[in-house]
Amino acid sequence: MEVAASIMEMLFVLSEALLYPAILILIALVVWVLLMLGQAISEYSGRIRDFNQIREAAAQAHHLIATNNPAGAAEAFGAVPLNVMVRHFITDISAFFGDTRFSLEAEKLLQDYELIIGKELDCLKILTKTAPMLGLMGTLIPLGPGLMGLSEGNIQALASNLVVAFSTTVLGLLVGGISYAVMVIRRRWYYQDFSDMEYIVEAVE
């Protein structure tokens, strides 16, 4: 019995020790996700895309490459409104215009940019999963002391612990909800950008 009591006491102490780190991490995640939301809004305001112009520029670039003018092919995209990621891709791929290794290098660049897109979304995926988990931790941990206080007739202890429990739940759901919404929106943006990159490679090849 003493061993069991010692184990139970150890579990209680460990769970209590996790409460404040969970709360602090949740507060940090709230700040982080709000910054990411502001960044997404700023990115949205700067996103520009006209696929007709992309198609025309790609056709012009293909013609210039065929006439042995790869430098002019790179310049063909200069005046076209492109999103930041697509613009960076054009800069990288233009170094191989007219090169016999173009197909190989283009495939490698597309894979690299796919990894970049995955990396951009990974943080949001982690937030979507971990924030509600931390909120649940912050909910369950105070219930132990709260129930103990209730058993001793200490209603004040129960009330204060329930406030902490419900507050952490709200924070966890807030972070998870915002991060999920931003992830869905950004995933659509980046997949569209990646589709444009694939089109450009196929068109100028």
C-alpha atoms as a PDB file:
ATOM      1  CA  MET A   1       0.000   0.000   0.000  1.00  0.00           C
ATOM      2  CA  GLU A   2       2.824   2.377   0.805  1.00  0.00           C
ATOM      3  CA  VAL A   3       4.397   1.736  -2.586  1.00  0.00           C
ATOM      4  CA  ALA A   4       1.098   2.397  -4.335  1.00  0.00           C
ATOM      5  CA  ALA A   5       0.600   5.576  -2.308  1.00  0.00           C
ATOM      6  CA  SER A   6       4.119   6.723  -3.182  1.00  0.00           C
ATOM      7  CA  ILE A   7       3.504   6.089  -6.892  1.00  0.00           C
ATOM      8  CA  MET A   8       0.213   7.971  -6.801  1.00  0.00           C
ATOM      9  CA  GLU A   9       1.832  10.875  -4.988  1.00  0.00           C
ATOM     10  CA  MET A  10       4.644  10.942  -7.560  1.00  0.00           C
ATOM     11  CA  LEU A  11       2.137  11.018 -10.421  1.00  0.00           C
ATOM     12  CA  PHE A  12       0.268  13.860  -8.732  1.00  0.00           C
ATOM     13  CA  VAL A  13       3.452  15.881  -8.221  1.00  0.00           C
ATOM     14  CA  LEU A  14       4.582  15.309 -11.818  1.00  0.00           C
ATOM     15  CA  SER A  15       1.237  16.319 -13.263  1.00  0.00           C
ATOM     16  CA  GLU A  16       1.128  19.429 -11.082  1.00  0.00           C
ATOM     17  CA  ALA A  17       4.644  20.332 -12.247  1.00  0.00           C
ATOM     18  CA  LEU A  18       3.463  20.245 -15.868  1.00  0.00           C
ATOM     19  CA  LEU A  19       0.670  22.766 -15.348  1.00  0.00           C
ATOM     20  CA  TYR A  20       2.639  26.009 -15.442  1.00  0.00           C
ATOM     21  CA  PRO A  21       4.865  24.964 -18.387  1.00  0.00           C
ATOM     22  CA  ALA A  22       1.708  24.028 -20.316  1.00  0.00           C
ATOM     23  CA  ILE A  23       0.127  27.414 -19.540  1.00  0.00           C
ATOM     24  CA  LEU A  24       3.270  29.331 -20.506  1.00  0.00           C
ATOM     25  CA  ILE A  25       3.615  27.383 -23.753  1.00  0.00           C
ATOM     26  CA  LEU A  26      -0.050  28.040 -24.546  1.00  0.00           C
ATOM     27  CA  ILE A  27       0.411  31.769 -24.019  1.00  0.00           C
ATOM     28  CA  ALA A  28       3.475  31.705 -26.285  1.00  0.00           C
ATOM     29  CA  LEU A  29       1.503  29.783 -28.920  1.00  0.00           C
ATOM     30  CA  VAL A  30      -1.300  32.353 -28.791  1.00  0.00           C
ATOM     31  CA  VAL A  31       1.210  35.124 -29.553  1.00  0.00           C
ATOM     32  CA  TRP A  32       2.827  33.004 -32.272  1.00  0.00           C
ATOM     33  CA  VAL A  33      -0.424  32.093 -34.022  1.00  0.00           C
ATOM     34  CA  LEU A  34      -1.595  35.719 -33.976  1.00  0.00           C
ATOM     35  CA  LEU A  35       1.677  36.720 -35.619  1.00  0.00           C
ATOM     36  CA  MET A  36       1.195  33.993 -38.226  1.00  0.00           C
ATOM     37  CA  LEU A  37      -2.348  35.216 -38.834  1.00  0.00           C
ATOM     38  CA  GLY A  38      -1.063  38.749 -39.402  1.00  0.00           C
ATOM     39  CA  GLN A  39       1.617  37.388 -41.715  1.00  0.00           C
ATOM     40  CA  ALA A  40      -1.018  35.471 -43.700  1.00  0.00           C
ATOM     41  CA  ILE A  41      -3.152  38.605 -44.049  1.00  0.00           C
ATOM     42  CA  SER A  42      -0.106  40.552 -45.226  1.00  0.00           C
ATOM     43  CA  GLU A  43       0.766  37.766 -47.692  1.00  0.00           C
ATOM     44  CA  TYR A  44      -2.796  37.764 -49.026  1.00  0.00           C
ATOM     45  CA  SER A  45      -2.657  41.490 -49.720  1.00  0.00           C
ATOM     46  CA  GLY A  46       0.520  40.970 -51.741  1.00  0.00           C
ATOM     47  CA  ARG A  47      -0.558  37.954 -53.763  1.00  0.00           C
ATOM     48  CA  ILE A  48      -0.953  38.641 -57.473  1.00  0.00           C
ATOM     49  CA  ARG A  49      -1.585  36.216 -60.315  1.00  0.00           C
ATOM     50  CA  ASP A  50      -2.669  36.484 -63.927  1.00  0.00           C
ATOM     51  CA  PHE A  51      -2.417  33.074 -65.547  1.00  0.00           C
ATOM     52  CA  ASN A  52      -2.990  34.460 -69.046  1.00  0.00           C
ATOM     53  CA  GLN A  53       0.132  36.560 -68.689  1.00  0.00           C
ATOM     54  CA  ILE A  54       2.020  33.554 -67.297  1.00  0.00           C
ATOM     55  CA  ARG A  55       0.945  31.521 -70.337  1.00  0.00           C
ATOM     56  CA  GLU A  56       2.046  34.258 -72.753  1.00  0.00           C
ATOM     57  CA  ALA A  57       5.383  34.731 -70.985  1.00  0.00           C
ATOM     58  CA  ALA A  58       6.031  30.979 -70.990  1.00  0.00           C
ATOM     59  CA  ALA A  59       5.286  30.769 -74.730  1.00  0.00           C
ATOM     60  CA  GLN A  60       7.594  33.713 -75.378  1.00  0.00           C
ATOM     61  CA  ALA A  61      10.312  32.153 -73.226  1.00  0.00           C
ATOM     62  CA  HIS A  62       9.983  28.857 -75.104  1.00  0.00           C
ATOM     63  CA  HIS A  63      10.429  30.697 -78.421  1.00  0.00           C
ATOM     64  CA  LEU A  64      13.458  32.609 -77.146  1.00  0.00           C
ATOM     65  CA  ILE A  65      15.093  29.441 -75.845  1.00  0.00           C
ATOM     66  CA  ALA A  66      14.473  27.765 -79.212  1.00  0.00           C
ATOM     67  CA  THR A  67      16.230  30.706 -80.912  1.00  0.00           C
ATOM     68  CA  ASN A  68      19.191  30.380 -78.520  1.00  0.00           C
ATOM     69  CA  ASN A  69      18.349  33.395 -76.355  1.00  0.00           C
ATOM     70  CA  PRO A  70      18.029  32.035 -72.793  1.00  0.00           C
ATOM     71  CA  ALA A  71      18.764  35.446 -71.255  1.00  0.00           C
ATOM     72  CA  GLY A  72      15.785  36.920 -73.069  1.00  0.00           C
ATOM     73  CA  ALA A  73      13.683  33.981 -71.916  1.00  0.00           C
ATOM     74  CA  ALA A  74      14.381  34.890 -68.313  1.00  0.00           C
ATOM     75  CA  GLU A  75      13.477  38.513 -69.005  1.00  0.00           C
ATOM     76  CA  ALA A  76      10.153  37.440 -70.525  1.00  0.00           C
ATOM     77  CA  PHE A  77       8.810  36.856 -67.021  1.00  0.00           C
ATOM     78  CA  GLY A  78      10.108  40.175 -65.692  1.00  0.00           C
ATOM     79  CA  ALA A  79       6.931  42.212 -66.218  1.00  0.00           C
ATOM     80  CA  VAL A  80       4.522  39.384 -65.370  1.00  0.00           C
ATOM     81  CA  PRO A  81       2.727  39.674 -61.989  1.00  0.00           C
ATOM     82  CA  LEU A  82       3.869  36.617 -60.009  1.00  0.00           C
ATOM     83  CA  ASN A  83       3.619  35.542 -56.405  1.00  0.00           C
ATOM     84  CA  VAL A  84       6.830  35.579 -54.380  1.00  0.00           C
ATOM     85  CA  MET A  85       7.453  31.834 -54.449  1.00  0.00           C
ATOM     86  CA  VAL A  86       6.883  31.597 -58.200  1.00  0.00           C
ATOM     87  CA  ARG A  87       9.153  34.604 -58.754  1.00  0.00           C
ATOM     88  CA  HIS A  88      11.944  32.905 -56.786  1.00  0.00           C
ATOM     89  CA  PHE A  89      11.396  29.721 -58.778  1.00  0.00           C
ATOM     90  CA  ILE A  90      11.733  31.637 -62.069  1.00  0.00           C
ATOM     91  CA  THR A  91      14.984  33.142 -60.822  1.00  0.00           C
ATOM     92  CA  ASP A  92      16.355  29.709 -59.946  1.00  0.00           C
ATOM     93  CA  ILE A  93      15.176  27.850 -63.044  1.00  0.00           C
ATOM     94  CA  SER A  94      16.255  30.580 -65.479  1.00  0.00           C
ATOM     95  CA  ALA A  95      19.883  29.645 -64.826  1.00  0.00           C
ATOM     96  CA  PHE A  96      19.221  26.412 -66.738  1.00  0.00           C
ATOM     97  CA  PHE A  97      17.275  27.827 -69.715  1.00  0.00           C
ATOM     98  CA  GLY A  98      18.780  26.331 -72.872  1.00  0.00           C
ATOM     99  CA  ASP A  99      20.870  23.845 -70.870  1.00  0.00           C
ATOM    100  CA  THR A 100      20.814  20.200 -71.898  1.00  0.00           C
ATOM    101  CA  ARG A 101      20.255  19.311 -68.229  1.00  0.00           C
ATOM    102  CA  PHE A 102      17.149  21.479 -68.010  1.00  0.00           C
ATOM    103  CA  SER A 103      14.701  18.613 -67.415  1.00  0.00           C
ATOM    104  CA  LEU A 104      16.833  17.115 -64.663  1.00  0.00           C
ATOM    105  CA  GLU A 105      17.462  20.430 -62.916  1.00  0.00           C
ATOM    106  CA  ALA A 106      13.824  21.488 -63.246  1.00  0.00           C
ATOM    107  CA  GLU A 107      12.655  18.248 -61.641  1.00  0.00           C
ATOM    108  CA  LYS A 108      15.107  18.749 -58.774  1.00  0.00           C
ATOM    109  CA  LEU A 109      13.987  22.346 -58.264  1.00  0.00           C
ATOM    110  CA  LEU A 110      10.335  21.310 -58.236  1.00  0.00           C
ATOM    111  CA  GLN A 111      11.091  18.714 -55.570  1.00  0.00           C
ATOM    112  CA  ASP A 112      12.979  21.300 -53.519  1.00  0.00           C
ATOM    113  CA  TYR A 113      10.110  23.771 -53.717  1.00  0.00           C
ATOM    114  CA  GLU A 114       7.653  21.041 -52.772  1.00  0.00           C
ATOM    115  CA  LEU A 115       9.748  20.454 -49.649  1.00  0.00           C
ATOM    116  CA  ILE A 116       9.753  24.205 -48.958  1.00  0.00           C
ATOM    117  CA  ILE A 117       5.961  24.244 -49.185  1.00  0.00           C
ATOM    118  CA  GLY A 118       5.755  21.274 -46.835  1.00  0.00           C
ATOM    119  CA  LYS A 119       8.061  23.012 -44.385  1.00  0.00           C
ATOM    120  CA  GLU A 120       5.929  26.162 -44.450  1.00  0.00           C
ATOM    121  CA  LEU A 121       2.831  24.112 -43.610  1.00  0.00           C
ATOM    122  CA  ASP A 122       4.460  21.830 -41.025  1.00  0.00           C
ATOM    123  CA  CYS A 123       4.495  24.507 -38.306  1.00  0.00           C
ATOM    124  CA  LEU A 124       0.776  25.062 -38.761  1.00  0.00           C
ATOM    125  CA  LYS A 125       0.097  21.319 -38.707  1.00  0.00           C
ATOM    126  CA  ILE A 126       2.023  21.011 -35.439  1.00  0.00           C
ATOM    127  CA  LEU A 127       0.087  23.913 -33.916  1.00  0.00           C
ATOM    128  CA  THR A 128      -3.211  22.400 -35.025  1.00  0.00           C
ATOM    129  CA  LYS A 129      -2.440  19.183 -33.151  1.00  0.00           C
ATOM    130  CA  THR A 130      -0.414  20.313 -30.141  1.00  0.00           C
ATOM    131  CA  ALA A 131      -2.388  23.375 -29.019  1.00  0.00           C
ATOM    132  CA  PRO A 132      -5.599  21.450 -28.185  1.00  0.00           C
ATOM    133  CA  MET A 133      -3.449  18.796 -26.483  1.00  0.00           C
ATOM    134  CA  LEU A 134      -1.846  21.420 -24.269  1.00  0.00           C
ATOM    135  CA  GLY A 135      -5.282  22.894 -23.620  1.00  0.00           C
ATOM    136  CA  LEU A 136      -6.488  19.457 -22.534  1.00  0.00           C
ATOM    137  CA  MET A 137      -3.490  19.099 -20.230  1.00  0.00           C
ATOM    138  CA  GLY A 138      -4.272  22.482 -18.713  1.00  0.00           C
ATOM    139  CA  THR A 139      -7.862  21.328 -18.254  1.00  0.00           C
ATOM    140  CA  LEU A 140      -7.218  17.975 -16.625  1.00  0.00           C
ATOM    141  CA  ILE A 141      -4.321  18.881 -14.318  1.00  0.00           C
ATOM    142  CA  PRO A 142      -6.235  21.435 -12.175  1.00  0.00           C
ATOM    143  CA  LEU A 143      -9.181  19.063 -11.787  1.00  0.00           C
ATOM    144  CA  GLY A 144      -7.236  16.907  -9.336  1.00  0.00           C
ATOM    145  CA  PRO A 145      -6.594  19.673  -6.781  1.00  0.00           C
ATOM    146  CA  GLY A 146     -10.080  21.049  -7.471  1.00  0.00           C
ATOM    147  CA  LEU A 147     -11.756  17.738  -6.634  1.00  0.00           C
ATOM    148  CA  MET A 148      -9.567  17.344  -3.567  1.00  0.00           C
ATOM    149  CA  GLY A 149     -10.644  20.801  -2.429  1.00  0.00           C
ATOM    150  CA  LEU A 150     -14.274  19.870  -3.040  1.00  0.00           C
ATOM    151  CA  SER A 151     -13.909  16.741  -0.938  1.00  0.00           C
ATOM    152  CA  GLU A 152     -12.599  18.945   1.881  1.00  0.00           C
ATOM    153  CA  GLY A 153     -15.429  21.445   1.435  1.00  0.00           C
ATOM    154  CA  ASN A 154     -13.139  24.086  -0.071  1.00  0.00           C
ATOM    155  CA  ILE A 155     -15.355  25.516  -2.824  1.00  0.00           C
ATOM    156  CA  GLN A 156     -12.945  28.395  -3.437  1.00  0.00           C
ATOM    157  CA  ALA A 157     -10.167  25.954  -4.430  1.00  0.00           C
ATOM    158  CA  LEU A 158     -12.522  24.174  -6.814  1.00  0.00           C
ATOM    159  CA  ALA A 159     -13.656  27.421  -8.412  1.00  0.00           C
ATOM    160  CA  SER A 160     -10.123  28.758  -8.942  1.00  0.00           C
ATOM    161  CA  ASN A 161      -8.950  25.476 -10.459  1.00  0.00           C
ATOM    162  CA  LEU A 162     -11.959  25.320 -12.771  1.00  0.00           C
ATOM    163  CA  VAL A 163     -11.193  28.832 -14.007  1.00  0.00           C
ATOM    164  CA  VAL A 164      -7.682  27.697 -14.932  1.00  0.00           C
ATOM    165  CA  ALA A 165      -9.041  24.529 -16.541  1.00  0.00           C
ATOM    166  CA  PHE A 166     -11.591  26.309 -18.724  1.00  0.00           C
ATOM    167  CA  SER A 167      -9.193  29.108 -19.667  1.00  0.00           C
ATOM    168  CA  THR A 168      -6.544  26.711 -20.953  1.00  0.00           C
ATOM    169  CA  THR A 169      -9.196  24.846 -22.953  1.00  0.00           C
ATOM    170  CA  VAL A 170     -10.265  28.075 -24.638  1.00  0.00           C
ATOM    171  CA  LEU A 171      -6.681  29.046 -25.449  1.00  0.00           C
ATOM    172  CA  GLY A 172      -5.906  25.624 -26.881  1.00  0.00           C
ATOM    173  CA  LEU A 173      -8.997  25.639 -29.097  1.00  0.00           C
ATOM    174  CA  LEU A 174      -8.290  29.221 -30.191  1.00  0.00           C
ATOM    175  CA  VAL A 175      -4.759  28.401 -31.307  1.00  0.00           C
ATOM    176  CA  GLY A 176      -5.858  25.169 -32.969  1.00  0.00           C
ATOM    177  CA  GLY A 177      -8.729  26.822 -34.820  1.00  0.00           C
ATOM    178  CA  ILE A 178      -6.720  29.775 -36.133  1.00  0.00           C
ATOM    179  CA  SER A 179      -3.760  27.623 -37.153  1.00  0.00           C
ATOM    180  CA  TYR A 180      -6.044  25.185 -38.992  1.00  0.00           C
ATOM    181  CA  ALA A 181      -7.765  27.999 -40.908  1.00  0.00           C
ATOM    182  CA  VAL A 182      -4.430  29.580 -41.878  1.00  0.00           C
ATOM    183  CA  MET A 183      -3.049  26.168 -42.886  1.00  0.00           C
ATOM    184  CA  VAL A 184      -5.995  25.438 -45.199  1.00  0.00           C
ATOM    185  CA  ILE A 185      -5.747  28.852 -46.864  1.00  0.00           C
ATOM    186  CA  ARG A 186      -1.977  28.755 -47.272  1.00  0.00           C
ATOM    187  CA  ARG A 187      -2.063  25.194 -48.570  1.00  0.00           C
ATOM    188  CA  ARG A 188      -4.401  26.300 -51.359  1.00  0.00           C
ATOM    189  CA  TRP A 189      -2.131  29.256 -52.172  1.00  0.00           C
ATOM    190  CA  TYR A 190       1.036  27.201 -52.286  1.00  0.00           C
ATOM    191  CA  TYR A 191      -0.478  24.356 -54.295  1.00  0.00           C
ATOM    192  CA  GLN A 192      -1.622  26.925 -56.835  1.00  0.00           C
ATOM    193  CA  ASP A 193       1.901  28.364 -56.942  1.00  0.00           C
ATOM    194  CA  PHE A 194       3.348  24.884 -57.379  1.00  0.00           C
ATOM    195  CA  SER A 195       0.908  24.197 -60.203  1.00  0.00           C
ATOM    196  CA  ASP A 196       2.131  27.371 -61.932  1.00  0.00           C
ATOM    197  CA  MET A 197       5.745  26.235 -61.492  1.00  0.00           C
ATOM    198  CA  GLU A 198       4.983  22.883 -63.107  1.00  0.00           C
ATOM    199  CA  TYR A 199       3.222  24.622 -65.983  1.00  0.00           C
ATOM    200  CA  ILE A 200       6.156  26.963 -66.560  1.00  0.00           C
ATOM    201  CA  VAL A 201       8.598  24.052 -66.667  1.00  0.00           C
ATOM    202  CA  GLU A 202       6.459  22.128 -69.150  1.00  0.00           C
ATOM    203  CA  ALA A 203       5.819  25.206 -71.306  1.00  0.00           C
ATOM    204  CA  VAL A 204       9.396  26.390 -71.681  1.00  0.00           C
ATOM    205  CA  GLU A 205      10.927  22.936 -72.039  1.00  0.00           C
END
